N, C-alpha and C. Protein backbone atom coordinates (compact mmCIF):
# COMPACT_ATOMS: atom_id res chain seq x y z
N UNK A 1 1.07 -1.03 -0.07
CA UNK A 1 0.08 -0.07 -0.02
C UNK A 1 0.82 1.25 0.04
N UNK A 2 0.38 2.19 -0.82
CA UNK A 2 1.28 3.42 -0.72
C UNK A 2 0.94 4.23 0.38
N UNK A 3 2.03 5.31 0.95
CA UNK A 3 2.25 5.85 1.85
C UNK A 3 1.86 7.22 1.45
N UNK A 4 0.88 8.04 1.81
CA UNK A 4 0.89 9.32 0.93
C UNK A 4 1.48 10.34 1.96
N UNK A 5 2.21 11.44 1.36
CA UNK A 5 3.07 12.41 2.04
C UNK A 5 1.70 13.62 2.49
N UNK A 6 1.82 13.99 3.68
CA UNK A 6 1.08 14.89 4.14
C UNK A 6 1.56 16.40 4.06
N UNK A 7 0.71 17.21 3.80
CA UNK A 7 1.01 18.57 3.89
C UNK A 7 2.33 19.27 2.69
N UNK A 8 2.13 18.48 1.34
CA UNK A 8 2.89 18.88 0.72
C UNK A 8 2.72 20.52 0.15
N UNK A 9 3.45 21.10 -0.20
CA UNK A 9 3.53 22.30 -0.86
C UNK A 9 2.27 22.28 -2.08
N UNK A 10 1.48 23.44 -1.98
CA UNK A 10 0.31 23.52 -2.95
C UNK A 10 0.55 24.78 -4.16
N UNK A 11 -0.01 23.97 -5.08
CA UNK A 11 0.03 25.70 -6.00
C UNK A 11 -1.48 25.59 -6.80
N UNK A 12 -1.93 26.96 -7.34
CA UNK A 12 -2.93 26.92 -7.99
C UNK A 12 -3.55 26.04 -8.89
N UNK A 13 -4.49 25.42 -8.75
CA UNK A 13 -4.79 24.45 -9.71
C UNK A 13 -4.69 23.11 -9.13
N UNK A 14 -4.10 22.96 -8.12
CA UNK A 14 -3.47 21.54 -7.39
C UNK A 14 -5.12 20.83 -6.92
N UNK A 15 -5.17 19.80 -6.78
CA UNK A 15 -6.36 19.06 -6.30
C UNK A 15 -6.04 18.47 -4.70
N UNK A 16 -6.36 18.76 -4.02
CA UNK A 16 -6.02 18.56 -2.67
C UNK A 16 -7.35 17.59 -1.89
N UNK A 17 -6.82 16.74 -1.12
CA UNK A 17 -7.83 15.68 0.01
C UNK A 17 -7.97 16.43 1.40
N UNK A 18 -8.75 16.59 1.94
CA UNK A 18 -8.99 17.32 3.30
C UNK A 18 -8.39 15.79 4.15
N UNK A 19 -7.58 16.17 5.14
CA UNK A 19 -7.34 14.97 6.00
C UNK A 19 -8.11 15.60 7.67
N UNK A 20 -7.73 16.42 7.93
CA UNK A 20 -8.22 17.16 9.00
C UNK A 20 -8.16 18.61 8.70
N UNK A 21 -9.01 19.14 9.37
CA UNK A 21 -9.26 20.66 9.54
C UNK A 21 -9.49 21.19 11.13
N UNK A 22 -8.76 22.25 11.49
CA UNK A 22 -8.94 22.56 13.07
C UNK A 22 -9.60 23.66 13.01
N UNK A 23 -11.06 23.51 12.81
CA UNK A 23 -11.92 24.76 12.76
C UNK A 23 -13.17 24.22 13.09
N UNK A 24 -13.98 24.92 13.82
CA UNK A 24 -15.47 24.35 14.19
C UNK A 24 -16.25 24.31 12.64
N UNK A 25 -15.96 25.00 11.67
CA UNK A 25 -16.42 24.74 10.30
C UNK A 25 -15.77 23.92 9.57
N UNK A 26 -14.74 23.41 9.78
CA UNK A 26 -14.04 22.69 8.95
C UNK A 26 -14.50 22.03 8.06
N UNK A 27 -14.00 21.27 6.98
CA UNK A 27 -14.42 20.45 5.93
C UNK A 27 -14.19 19.17 6.60
N UNK A 28 -15.29 18.21 5.94
CA UNK A 28 -15.07 16.80 6.41
C UNK A 28 -13.73 15.82 5.72
N UNK A 29 -13.09 15.15 6.63
CA UNK A 29 -12.06 14.22 6.10
C UNK A 29 -12.39 13.55 4.55
N UNK A 30 -11.61 13.43 3.82
CA UNK A 30 -11.74 12.97 2.39
C UNK A 30 -12.43 13.69 1.46
N UNK A 31 -12.91 15.01 1.59
CA UNK A 31 -13.40 15.83 0.74
C UNK A 31 -12.37 16.60 -0.24
N UNK A 32 -12.33 16.42 -1.47
CA UNK A 32 -11.60 16.92 -2.43
C UNK A 32 -11.88 18.55 -2.78
N UNK A 33 -11.01 18.99 -3.03
CA UNK A 33 -10.96 20.57 -3.61
C UNK A 33 -10.06 20.84 -4.38
N UNK A 34 -9.97 21.85 -5.13
CA UNK A 34 -9.21 22.59 -5.74
C UNK A 34 -8.48 24.02 -5.16
N UNK A 35 -7.21 24.00 -5.36
CA UNK A 35 -6.64 25.29 -4.81
C UNK A 35 -6.81 26.37 -5.69
N UNK A 36 -7.23 27.46 -5.22
CA UNK A 36 -7.54 28.54 -6.01
C UNK A 36 -6.64 29.90 -5.73
N UNK A 37 -6.08 29.98 -4.54
CA UNK A 37 -5.03 30.99 -4.14
C UNK A 37 -3.99 30.40 -3.24
N UNK A 38 -3.10 31.21 -3.14
CA UNK A 38 -2.02 30.82 -2.38
C UNK A 38 -1.37 32.10 -1.94
N UNK A 39 -1.69 32.47 -0.48
CA UNK A 39 -1.11 33.53 0.03
C UNK A 39 -0.40 33.11 1.40
N UNK A 40 0.71 34.17 1.75
CA UNK A 40 1.57 34.07 2.86
C UNK A 40 1.19 35.14 4.00
N UNK A 41 0.92 34.80 4.90
CA UNK A 41 0.41 35.91 6.00
C UNK A 41 1.41 35.64 7.10
N UNK A 42 2.20 36.64 7.42
CA UNK A 42 3.10 36.93 8.55
C UNK A 42 3.82 35.63 8.66
N UNK A 43 4.21 34.97 7.60
CA UNK A 43 5.08 34.00 7.67
C UNK A 43 4.24 32.26 7.50
N UNK A 44 3.03 32.56 7.66
CA UNK A 44 1.97 31.38 7.56
C UNK A 44 1.52 31.10 6.22
N UNK A 45 1.75 30.00 5.27
CA UNK A 45 1.14 29.97 3.83
C UNK A 45 -0.24 29.44 4.21
N UNK A 46 -1.18 29.76 3.52
CA UNK A 46 -2.60 29.96 3.67
C UNK A 46 -3.13 29.41 1.84
N UNK A 47 -3.56 28.19 1.77
CA UNK A 47 -4.14 27.69 0.81
C UNK A 47 -5.93 27.99 0.48
N UNK A 48 -6.09 28.79 -0.23
CA UNK A 48 -7.64 29.04 -0.52
C UNK A 48 -8.25 27.89 -1.03
N UNK A 49 -9.08 27.33 -0.73
CA UNK A 49 -9.68 25.88 -1.71
C UNK A 49 -11.19 26.06 -2.19
N UNK A 50 -11.33 25.69 -3.23
CA UNK A 50 -12.64 25.36 -3.46
C UNK A 50 -13.17 23.92 -3.47
N UNK A 51 -13.99 23.65 -2.24
CA UNK A 51 -14.08 22.34 -2.02
C UNK A 51 -15.29 21.76 -3.06
N UNK A 52 -15.42 20.53 -3.39
CA UNK A 52 -16.17 19.99 -4.54
C UNK A 52 -17.92 19.81 -3.78
N UNK A 53 -17.97 20.37 -2.57
CA UNK A 53 -19.20 20.55 -1.95
C UNK A 53 -19.80 21.88 -2.25
N UNK A 54 -18.93 22.58 -2.74
CA UNK A 54 -19.45 24.19 -3.07
C UNK A 54 -18.83 25.10 -2.23
N UNK A 55 -18.43 24.47 -0.98
CA UNK A 55 -17.93 25.52 -0.03
C UNK A 55 -16.45 25.89 -0.22
N UNK A 56 -16.17 27.09 0.49
CA UNK A 56 -14.60 27.78 0.33
C UNK A 56 -14.11 28.02 1.53
N UNK A 57 -13.10 27.04 1.98
CA UNK A 57 -12.45 26.98 3.33
C UNK A 57 -10.93 27.07 3.08
N UNK A 58 -10.07 27.63 3.57
CA UNK A 58 -8.57 27.73 3.25
C UNK A 58 -8.11 26.93 3.98
N UNK A 59 -6.85 26.07 3.93
CA UNK A 59 -6.11 25.64 4.43
C UNK A 59 -4.65 26.11 5.21
N UNK A 60 -4.42 25.70 6.29
CA UNK A 60 -3.45 26.90 6.84
C UNK A 60 -2.35 25.80 7.00
N UNK A 61 -1.13 25.99 6.28
CA UNK A 61 0.18 25.25 6.87
C UNK A 61 0.40 24.87 8.02
N UNK A 62 0.48 24.15 8.95
CA UNK A 62 1.22 24.10 10.18
C UNK A 62 -0.01 23.93 11.17
N UNK A 63 -1.16 23.62 10.65
CA UNK A 63 -2.61 23.77 11.24
C UNK A 63 -3.38 22.63 10.87
N UNK A 64 -3.57 22.68 9.74
CA UNK A 64 -4.51 21.75 8.95
C UNK A 64 -3.48 20.59 8.40
N UNK A 65 -4.14 19.32 8.01
CA UNK A 65 -3.76 18.49 7.30
C UNK A 65 -4.37 18.07 6.05
N UNK A 66 -3.70 17.80 4.95
CA UNK A 66 -4.24 17.58 3.72
C UNK A 66 -2.91 16.80 2.68
N UNK A 67 -3.88 16.01 1.88
CA UNK A 67 -2.56 15.32 0.71
C UNK A 67 -3.03 15.96 -0.67
N UNK A 68 -2.01 16.02 -1.27
CA UNK A 68 -2.29 16.60 -2.47
C UNK A 68 -2.75 15.26 -3.47
N UNK A 69 -3.77 15.41 -4.32
CA UNK A 69 -4.39 14.42 -4.88
C UNK A 69 -3.45 14.25 -6.33
N UNK A 70 -3.20 12.84 -6.63
CA UNK A 70 -2.34 12.75 -8.11
C UNK A 70 -3.35 11.51 -8.66
N UNK A 71 -4.27 11.54 -9.39
CA UNK A 71 -4.99 10.67 -10.09
C UNK A 71 -4.08 9.67 -10.67
N UNK A 72 -2.72 9.81 -11.21
CA UNK A 72 -2.17 8.53 -11.73
C UNK A 72 -1.68 7.90 -10.39
N UNK A 73 -1.60 8.30 -9.23
CA UNK A 73 -1.17 7.48 -8.13
C UNK A 73 -2.25 6.78 -7.69
N UNK A 74 -3.56 7.07 -7.72
CA UNK A 74 -4.67 6.75 -6.79
C UNK A 74 -5.55 6.01 -7.93
N UNK A 75 -5.90 4.94 -8.08
CA UNK A 75 -7.04 3.95 -8.20
C UNK A 75 -8.25 4.37 -7.72
N UNK A 76 -9.39 3.46 -8.17
CA UNK A 76 -10.65 3.73 -7.47
C UNK A 76 -10.15 3.15 -5.81
N UNK A 77 -10.33 4.28 -4.91
CA UNK A 77 -10.20 3.77 -3.41
C UNK A 77 -11.23 4.41 -2.83
N UNK A 78 -11.94 3.86 -1.80
CA UNK A 78 -12.91 3.99 -0.73
C UNK A 78 -12.50 5.04 0.17
N UNK A 79 -13.15 6.23 0.68
CA UNK A 79 -12.82 7.24 1.20
C UNK A 79 -12.34 6.32 2.88
N UNK A 80 -12.90 5.54 3.49
CA UNK A 80 -12.57 4.99 4.51
C UNK A 80 -11.08 4.42 4.38
N UNK A 81 -10.84 3.56 3.20
CA UNK A 81 -9.46 2.91 2.95
C UNK A 81 -8.34 4.35 2.77
N UNK A 82 -8.91 5.19 2.20
CA UNK A 82 -7.90 6.27 1.95
C UNK A 82 -7.22 6.99 3.13
N UNK A 83 -8.27 6.98 4.20
CA UNK A 83 -7.73 7.53 5.41
C UNK A 83 -7.21 6.60 6.42
N UNK A 84 -7.11 5.46 6.26
CA UNK A 84 -6.71 4.58 6.77
C UNK A 84 -4.77 4.56 6.32
N UNK A 85 -4.83 4.47 4.87
CA UNK A 85 -3.48 4.67 4.38
C UNK A 85 -2.73 5.85 4.59
N UNK A 86 -3.24 7.00 4.53
CA UNK A 86 -2.56 7.97 5.13
C UNK A 86 -1.69 8.10 6.38
N UNK A 87 -2.39 7.08 7.31
CA UNK A 87 -2.19 6.98 8.57
C UNK A 87 -1.00 5.94 8.88
N UNK A 88 -1.24 4.99 7.88
CA UNK A 88 0.06 4.03 8.19
C UNK A 88 1.37 4.37 8.64
């Protein structure tokens, strides 16, 4: 099984999968989204993401956890199995 790298640097257009958001209104684990903007605020990198459920929430490097989605490396995989693999 492939072990995924957590919190790789992202660029605009990258597809990302939420692992954990530290926020009362955070995104559910396993939700995919597309990075729309990358900003640096006082040394923290913030990735603005348009999630596949239509919401727009940002990922904060060093606070939230994500995986860069690469369809070439991932075949059909169930959300439950995906989340297990990233914690192996």
